[in-house]
C-alpha cells in the first residue's frame, strides 16, 4: 500500500502515551498508531453516517417495497 508522509501537531502527554505503547511493543511505530487511529475514526464516521441515513427511512414503506410482488411469486415457489 502506498503511503504519504504528513506532519501533525500533538499534545506532549498524548505523544508520551503513544511512545509508551511503541516501547512496550503494542504498536511497531508512532506512524502505525496514527494510521490505525485514523482508520478507526473514519470507520466510525462511516458507520454513524449509515445509521443516520437508515434512521431517515420509513420502515413501513420499505417493508411494502420488500414484499411487493411476493404475493404473485409465492405461488410459484416450491413447497417444502
N, C-alpha and C. Protein backbone atom coordinates (compact mmCIF):
# COMPACT_ATOMS: atom_id res chain seq x y z
N UNK A 1 0.85 -1.17 0.00
CA UNK A 1 0.00 0.00 0.00
C UNK A 1 0.90 1.24 0.00
N UNK A 2 0.56 2.18 -0.84
CA UNK A 2 1.32 3.42 -0.91
C UNK A 2 1.02 4.30 0.28
N UNK A 3 2.02 4.95 0.79
CA UNK A 3 1.83 5.85 1.93
C UNK A 3 2.42 7.21 1.60
N UNK A 4 1.97 8.20 2.35
CA UNK A 4 2.50 9.55 2.23
C UNK A 4 2.87 10.05 3.61
N UNK A 5 3.87 10.88 3.66
CA UNK A 5 4.27 11.48 4.94
C UNK A 5 3.44 12.72 5.19
N UNK A 6 3.03 12.89 6.45
CA UNK A 6 2.33 14.09 6.88
C UNK A 6 2.93 14.54 8.21
N UNK A 7 2.82 15.81 8.46
CA UNK A 7 3.28 16.34 9.74
C UNK A 7 2.05 16.70 10.56
N UNK A 8 2.05 16.32 11.83
CA UNK A 8 0.93 16.65 12.71
C UNK A 8 1.46 17.28 13.99
N UNK A 9 0.61 18.02 14.63
CA UNK A 9 0.92 18.55 15.96
C UNK A 9 0.12 17.73 16.96
N UNK A 10 0.76 17.39 18.06
CA UNK A 10 0.11 16.53 19.05
C UNK A 10 0.53 16.98 20.45
N UNK A 11 -0.37 16.89 21.39
CA UNK A 11 -0.08 17.27 22.77
C UNK A 11 1.04 16.39 23.33
N UNK A 12 1.87 16.98 24.16
CA UNK A 12 3.01 16.24 24.74
C UNK A 12 2.57 15.01 25.52
N UNK A 13 1.52 15.14 26.32
CA UNK A 13 1.06 14.00 27.12
C UNK A 13 0.57 12.86 26.22
N UNK A 14 -0.11 13.22 25.16
CA UNK A 14 -0.61 12.20 24.23
C UNK A 14 0.55 11.52 23.52
N UNK A 15 1.53 12.29 23.13
CA UNK A 15 2.71 11.72 22.47
C UNK A 15 3.46 10.78 23.42
N UNK A 16 3.55 11.16 24.68
CA UNK A 16 4.21 10.29 25.66
C UNK A 16 3.48 8.96 25.79
N UNK A 17 2.14 9.00 25.75
CA UNK A 17 1.37 7.75 25.81
C UNK A 17 1.63 6.90 24.58
N UNK A 18 1.69 7.53 23.42
CA UNK A 18 1.98 6.78 22.19
C UNK A 18 3.36 6.15 22.26
N UNK A 19 4.32 6.91 22.74
CA UNK A 19 5.69 6.38 22.85
C UNK A 19 5.76 5.19 23.81
N UNK A 20 4.98 5.24 24.88
CA UNK A 20 4.95 4.09 25.80
C UNK A 20 4.39 2.84 25.10
N UNK A 21 3.38 3.03 24.26
CA UNK A 21 2.82 1.89 23.52
C UNK A 21 3.84 1.31 22.54
N UNK A 22 4.61 2.18 21.91
CA UNK A 22 5.64 1.71 20.99
C UNK A 22 6.74 0.99 21.78
N UNK A 23 7.15 1.58 22.89
CA UNK A 23 8.22 0.99 23.71
C UNK A 23 7.82 -0.38 24.26
N UNK A 24 6.54 -0.53 24.59
CA UNK A 24 6.08 -1.82 25.12
C UNK A 24 5.64 -2.78 24.01
N UNK A 25 5.91 -2.43 22.77
CA UNK A 25 5.66 -3.27 21.60
C UNK A 25 4.19 -3.56 21.34
N UNK A 26 3.32 -2.66 21.79
CA UNK A 26 1.89 -2.78 21.46
C UNK A 26 1.71 -2.37 20.00
N UNK A 27 2.47 -1.39 19.56
CA UNK A 27 2.50 -0.94 18.16
C UNK A 27 3.95 -0.87 17.72
N UNK A 28 4.20 -1.10 16.43
CA UNK A 28 5.59 -1.06 15.97
C UNK A 28 6.16 0.36 15.83
N UNK A 29 5.26 1.35 15.67
CA UNK A 29 5.76 2.72 15.47
C UNK A 29 4.65 3.74 15.74
N UNK A 30 5.07 4.98 15.88
CA UNK A 30 4.09 6.06 16.02
C UNK A 30 3.18 6.13 14.79
N UNK A 31 3.80 5.96 13.63
CA UNK A 31 3.03 6.03 12.38
C UNK A 31 1.90 5.00 12.36
N UNK A 32 2.20 3.79 12.81
CA UNK A 32 1.19 2.73 12.81
C UNK A 32 0.05 3.08 13.76
N UNK A 33 0.36 3.66 14.91
CA UNK A 33 -0.68 4.06 15.85
C UNK A 33 -1.60 5.09 15.21
N UNK A 34 -0.99 6.10 14.59
CA UNK A 34 -1.79 7.18 13.98
C UNK A 34 -2.62 6.63 12.82
N UNK A 35 -2.02 5.78 11.99
CA UNK A 35 -2.77 5.18 10.88
C UNK A 35 -3.98 4.40 11.38
N UNK A 36 -3.77 3.56 12.40
CA UNK A 36 -4.87 2.77 12.95
C UNK A 36 -5.95 3.66 13.56
N UNK A 37 -5.52 4.71 14.25
CA UNK A 37 -6.49 5.61 14.87
C UNK A 37 -7.33 6.34 13.83
N UNK A 38 -6.69 6.79 12.78
CA UNK A 38 -7.42 7.49 11.70
C UNK A 38 -8.36 6.52 11.01
N UNK A 39 -7.88 5.32 10.73
CA UNK A 39 -8.72 4.30 10.07
C UNK A 39 -9.96 3.99 10.91
N UNK A 40 -9.76 3.80 12.22
CA UNK A 40 -10.89 3.50 13.11
C UNK A 40 -11.88 4.67 13.17
N UNK A 41 -11.37 5.89 13.25
CA UNK A 41 -12.24 7.07 13.31
C UNK A 41 -13.06 7.19 12.03
N UNK A 42 -12.43 6.98 10.88
CA UNK A 42 -13.16 7.05 9.61
C UNK A 42 -14.22 5.96 9.51
N UNK A 43 -13.91 4.77 10.01
CA UNK A 43 -14.88 3.68 10.00
C UNK A 43 -16.08 4.03 10.88
N UNK A 44 -15.82 4.63 12.06
CA UNK A 44 -16.91 5.04 12.95
C UNK A 44 -17.76 6.12 12.30
N UNK A 45 -17.12 7.06 11.61
CA UNK A 45 -17.87 8.10 10.92
C UNK A 45 -18.74 7.50 9.82
N UNK A 46 -18.19 6.56 9.07
CA UNK A 46 -18.97 5.88 8.02
C UNK A 46 -20.15 5.14 8.63
N UNK A 47 -19.91 4.45 9.74
CA UNK A 47 -20.97 3.69 10.40
C UNK A 47 -22.06 4.61 10.93
N UNK A 48 -21.65 5.73 11.54
CA UNK A 48 -22.66 6.64 12.09
C UNK A 48 -23.43 7.32 10.97
N UNK A 49 -22.77 7.57 9.84
CA UNK A 49 -23.48 8.15 8.68
C UNK A 49 -24.51 7.16 8.16
N UNK A 50 -24.14 5.90 8.07
CA UNK A 50 -25.07 4.87 7.63
C UNK A 50 -26.25 4.78 8.58
N UNK A 51 -25.99 4.84 9.87
CA UNK A 51 -27.06 4.78 10.86
C UNK A 51 -28.00 5.98 10.72
N UNK A 52 -27.42 7.17 10.49
CA UNK A 52 -28.27 8.36 10.30
C UNK A 52 -29.13 8.23 9.06
N UNK A 53 -28.56 7.72 7.98
CA UNK A 53 -29.32 7.55 6.74
C UNK A 53 -30.42 6.50 6.92
N UNK A 54 -30.11 5.42 7.62
CA UNK A 54 -31.11 4.38 7.88
C UNK A 54 -32.26 4.92 8.74
N UNK A 55 -31.95 5.80 9.67
CA UNK A 55 -32.97 6.37 10.54
C UNK A 55 -33.97 7.22 9.77
N UNK A 56 -33.55 7.69 8.60
CA UNK A 56 -34.43 8.52 7.78
C UNK A 56 -35.46 7.68 7.02
N UNK A 57 -35.22 6.38 6.93
CA UNK A 57 -36.11 5.50 6.16
C UNK A 57 -37.45 5.32 6.86
N UNK A 58 -38.48 5.20 6.06
CA UNK A 58 -39.82 4.89 6.57
C UNK A 58 -39.94 3.37 6.55
N UNK A 59 -39.92 2.75 7.72
CA UNK A 59 -39.87 1.29 7.79
C UNK A 59 -41.09 0.62 7.16
N UNK A 60 -42.26 1.20 7.30
CA UNK A 60 -43.45 0.58 6.69
C UNK A 60 -43.39 0.66 5.18
N UNK A 61 -42.88 1.77 4.65
CA UNK A 61 -42.72 1.91 3.20
C UNK A 61 -41.68 0.91 2.69
N UNK A 62 -40.56 0.80 3.39
CA UNK A 62 -39.51 -0.14 2.99
C UNK A 62 -40.01 -1.58 3.03
N UNK A 63 -40.81 -1.91 4.05
CA UNK A 63 -41.39 -3.25 4.16
C UNK A 63 -42.32 -3.52 2.97
N UNK A 64 -43.15 -2.53 2.62
CA UNK A 64 -44.07 -2.68 1.50
C UNK A 64 -43.31 -2.91 0.20
N UNK A 65 -42.23 -2.17 0.00
CA UNK A 65 -41.42 -2.36 -1.21
C UNK A 65 -40.80 -3.75 -1.23
N UNK A 66 -40.30 -4.20 -0.08
CA UNK A 66 -39.66 -5.51 0.00
C UNK A 66 -40.65 -6.63 -0.31
N UNK A 67 -41.89 -6.46 0.09
CA UNK A 67 -42.89 -7.50 -0.10
C UNK A 67 -43.64 -7.36 -1.42
N UNK A 68 -43.42 -6.27 -2.13
CA UNK A 68 -44.13 -6.03 -3.38
C UNK A 68 -43.85 -7.16 -4.37
N UNK A 69 -44.88 -7.70 -4.89
CA UNK A 69 -44.75 -8.76 -5.88
C UNK A 69 -44.62 -10.15 -5.30
N UNK A 70 -44.40 -10.29 -4.00
CA UNK A 70 -44.27 -11.61 -3.40
C UNK A 70 -45.59 -12.39 -3.45
N UNK A 71 -46.70 -11.70 -3.38
CA UNK A 71 -47.98 -12.41 -3.37
C UNK A 71 -48.18 -13.19 -4.66
N UNK A 72 -47.72 -12.65 -5.77
CA UNK A 72 -47.83 -13.37 -7.04
C UNK A 72 -46.77 -14.45 -7.16
N UNK A 73 -45.57 -14.16 -6.73
CA UNK A 73 -44.47 -15.10 -6.87
C UNK A 73 -44.56 -16.27 -5.90
N UNK A 74 -45.16 -16.11 -4.78
CA UNK A 74 -45.15 -17.14 -3.75
C UNK A 74 -45.84 -18.42 -4.24
N UNK A 75 -46.79 -18.29 -5.14
CA UNK A 75 -47.47 -19.47 -5.68
C UNK A 75 -46.53 -20.29 -6.55
N UNK A 76 -45.49 -19.65 -7.09
CA UNK A 76 -44.54 -20.34 -7.96
C UNK A 76 -43.41 -21.00 -7.18
N UNK A 77 -43.30 -20.69 -5.90
CA UNK A 77 -42.23 -21.26 -5.10
C UNK A 77 -42.53 -22.72 -4.78
N UNK A 78 -41.49 -23.55 -4.72
CA UNK A 78 -41.73 -24.97 -4.38
C UNK A 78 -42.16 -25.11 -2.91
N UNK A 79 -43.00 -26.11 -2.67
CA UNK A 79 -43.46 -26.35 -1.31
C UNK A 79 -42.43 -27.21 -0.59
N UNK A 80 -42.15 -26.88 0.66
CA UNK A 80 -41.17 -27.65 1.45
C UNK A 80 -41.87 -28.41 2.53
